Amino acid sequence: MCLLSSHLYFSKAYELLSKIPLSSHILDLLGEEENKLNEFGDLVNRERYWTVNEILKENTAARRALVIKKMIKVALSCVEIYNFNSAFAIVSGLGHCVVSRLRAAWDKVSSLAGLDLN
């Protein structure tokens, strides 16, 4: 995710969050209002499944390992610019059951990259 993409994400996230009244969650629990927080959750879910799909697009374990390494670097870059939502979404995608079962790919990811993820 480049800085421009990050800026667009923050713009979209701010736009969605600014439309949610503070009482929205409580009113939703009481069944009195539709919860607009779902829109924000959908944004995080799209990023999570983008991570999973980018990894699964590759046919070989070596190429999947390269994508996993790149995703770890992107997540770290997100943390550096305080984009914790995207970092969380990417790490969630890396931890998705389909991705975590790719043992051949994870074995090719260096131990240093794995330490960065932890």
Protein backbone atom coordinates (compact mmCIF):
# COMPACT_ATOMS: atom_id res chain seq x y z
CA MET A 1 0.00 0.00 0.00
CA CYS A 2 1.66 3.22 -1.07
CA LEU A 3 1.25 6.57 0.64
CA LEU A 4 -1.36 7.69 -1.89
CA SER A 5 -3.38 4.56 -1.25
CA SER A 6 -3.00 5.12 2.48
CA HIS A 7 -4.25 8.69 2.07
CA LEU A 8 -7.26 7.44 0.11
CA TYR A 9 -7.93 4.85 2.82
CA PHE A 10 -7.81 7.49 5.55
CA SER A 11 -10.15 9.70 3.52
CA LYS A 12 -12.63 6.88 3.06
CA ALA A 13 -12.31 5.75 6.70
CA TYR A 14 -12.80 9.31 7.97
CA GLU A 15 -15.79 9.79 5.68
CA LEU A 16 -17.41 6.63 7.02
CA LEU A 17 -16.57 7.31 10.66
CA SER A 18 -17.70 10.93 10.54
CA LYS A 19 -21.19 9.78 9.51
CA ILE A 20 -21.56 7.54 12.58
CA PRO A 21 -23.11 9.26 15.59
CA LEU A 22 -21.54 8.42 18.94
CA SER A 23 -24.73 6.77 20.12
CA SER A 24 -25.00 4.56 17.02
CA HIS A 25 -23.63 1.41 18.63
CA ILE A 26 -25.90 1.67 21.67
CA LEU A 27 -28.96 2.39 19.53
CA ASP A 28 -28.08 -0.57 17.32
CA LEU A 29 -27.88 -2.84 20.36
CA LEU A 30 -31.32 -1.64 21.39
CA GLY A 31 -32.58 -2.28 17.85
CA GLU A 32 -33.52 1.36 17.32
CA GLU A 33 -31.10 2.25 14.53
CA GLU A 34 -29.25 0.58 11.70
CA ASN A 35 -25.59 0.41 12.58
CA LYS A 36 -23.34 2.34 10.20
CA LEU A 37 -20.33 0.71 11.79
CA ASN A 38 -20.90 -2.20 9.39
CA GLU A 39 -19.70 -0.03 6.50
CA PHE A 40 -16.43 0.59 8.30
CA GLY A 41 -16.09 -3.12 9.11
CA ASP A 42 -16.63 -3.95 5.45
CA LEU A 43 -13.68 -1.76 4.54
CA VAL A 44 -11.40 -3.73 6.89
CA ASN A 45 -12.79 -7.03 5.57
CA ARG A 46 -12.07 -6.01 1.97
CA GLU A 47 -8.44 -5.34 2.90
CA ARG A 48 -8.22 -8.67 4.73
CA TYR A 49 -9.52 -10.64 1.77
CA TRP A 50 -7.36 -8.61 -0.61
CA THR A 51 -4.35 -9.95 1.34
CA VAL A 52 -5.62 -13.53 1.14
CA ASN A 53 -6.41 -13.25 -2.57
CA GLU A 54 -3.04 -11.74 -3.48
CA ILE A 55 -1.27 -14.67 -1.81
CA LEU A 56 -3.52 -17.33 -3.31
CA LYS A 57 -3.21 -15.90 -6.84
CA GLU A 58 0.33 -17.23 -7.01
CA ASN A 59 0.81 -20.82 -8.16
CA THR A 60 4.09 -21.77 -6.51
CA ALA A 61 5.23 -21.78 -2.90
CA ALA A 62 8.22 -19.57 -3.75
CA ARG A 63 6.05 -16.87 -5.31
CA ARG A 64 3.55 -17.08 -2.44
CA ALA A 65 6.44 -16.63 0.00
CA LEU A 66 7.47 -13.46 -1.85
CA VAL A 67 3.93 -12.08 -1.56
CA ILE A 68 3.80 -12.99 2.15
CA LYS A 69 7.09 -11.13 2.72
CA LYS A 70 5.74 -8.13 0.82
CA MET A 71 2.53 -8.16 2.89
CA ILE A 72 4.57 -8.20 6.11
CA LYS A 73 6.51 -5.17 4.85
CA VAL A 74 3.28 -3.39 3.92
CA ALA A 75 1.81 -4.11 7.37
CA LEU A 76 4.95 -2.70 9.02
CA SER A 77 4.75 0.38 6.81
CA CYS A 78 1.12 0.83 7.85
CA VAL A 79 2.15 0.74 11.50
CA GLU A 80 4.88 3.33 10.84
CA ILE A 81 2.31 5.76 9.44
CA TYR A 82 -0.17 4.91 12.22
CA ASN A 83 -2.59 3.11 9.90
CA PHE A 84 -3.39 0.43 12.45
CA ASN A 85 -6.66 -0.61 10.80
CA SER A 86 -4.92 -1.64 7.58
CA ALA A 87 -2.08 -3.27 9.50
CA PHE A 88 -4.65 -5.27 11.47
CA ALA A 89 -6.47 -6.26 8.28
CA ILE A 90 -3.26 -7.45 6.59
CA VAL A 91 -2.09 -9.41 9.63
CA SER A 92 -5.59 -10.93 9.86
CA GLY A 93 -5.30 -11.94 6.22
CA LEU A 94 -1.92 -13.54 6.88
CA GLY A 95 -3.45 -15.42 9.78
CA HIS A 96 -6.48 -16.58 7.76
CA CYS A 97 -6.83 -20.36 7.92
CA VAL A 98 -6.29 -20.80 4.17
CA VAL A 99 -3.05 -18.79 4.23
CA SER A 100 -1.73 -20.21 7.48
CA ARG A 101 -1.98 -23.74 6.06
CA LEU A 102 0.42 -22.92 3.21
CA ARG A 103 3.36 -24.59 5.01
CA ALA A 104 5.58 -24.77 1.93
CA ALA A 105 5.26 -21.01 1.43
CA TRP A 106 5.72 -20.16 5.11
CA ASP A 107 8.82 -22.36 5.26
CA LYS A 108 10.36 -20.18 2.55
CA VAL A 109 9.63 -16.97 4.44
CA SER A 110 12.75 -15.99 6.34
CA SER A 111 12.71 -16.21 10.10
CA LEU A 112 13.46 -12.47 10.26
CA ALA A 113 10.27 -11.67 8.35
CA GLY A 114 8.34 -13.93 10.69
CA LEU A 115 9.81 -12.10 13.68
CA ASP A 116 8.72 -8.79 12.20
CA LEU A 117 5.19 -10.13 12.00
CA ASN A 118 5.20 -11.15 15.66
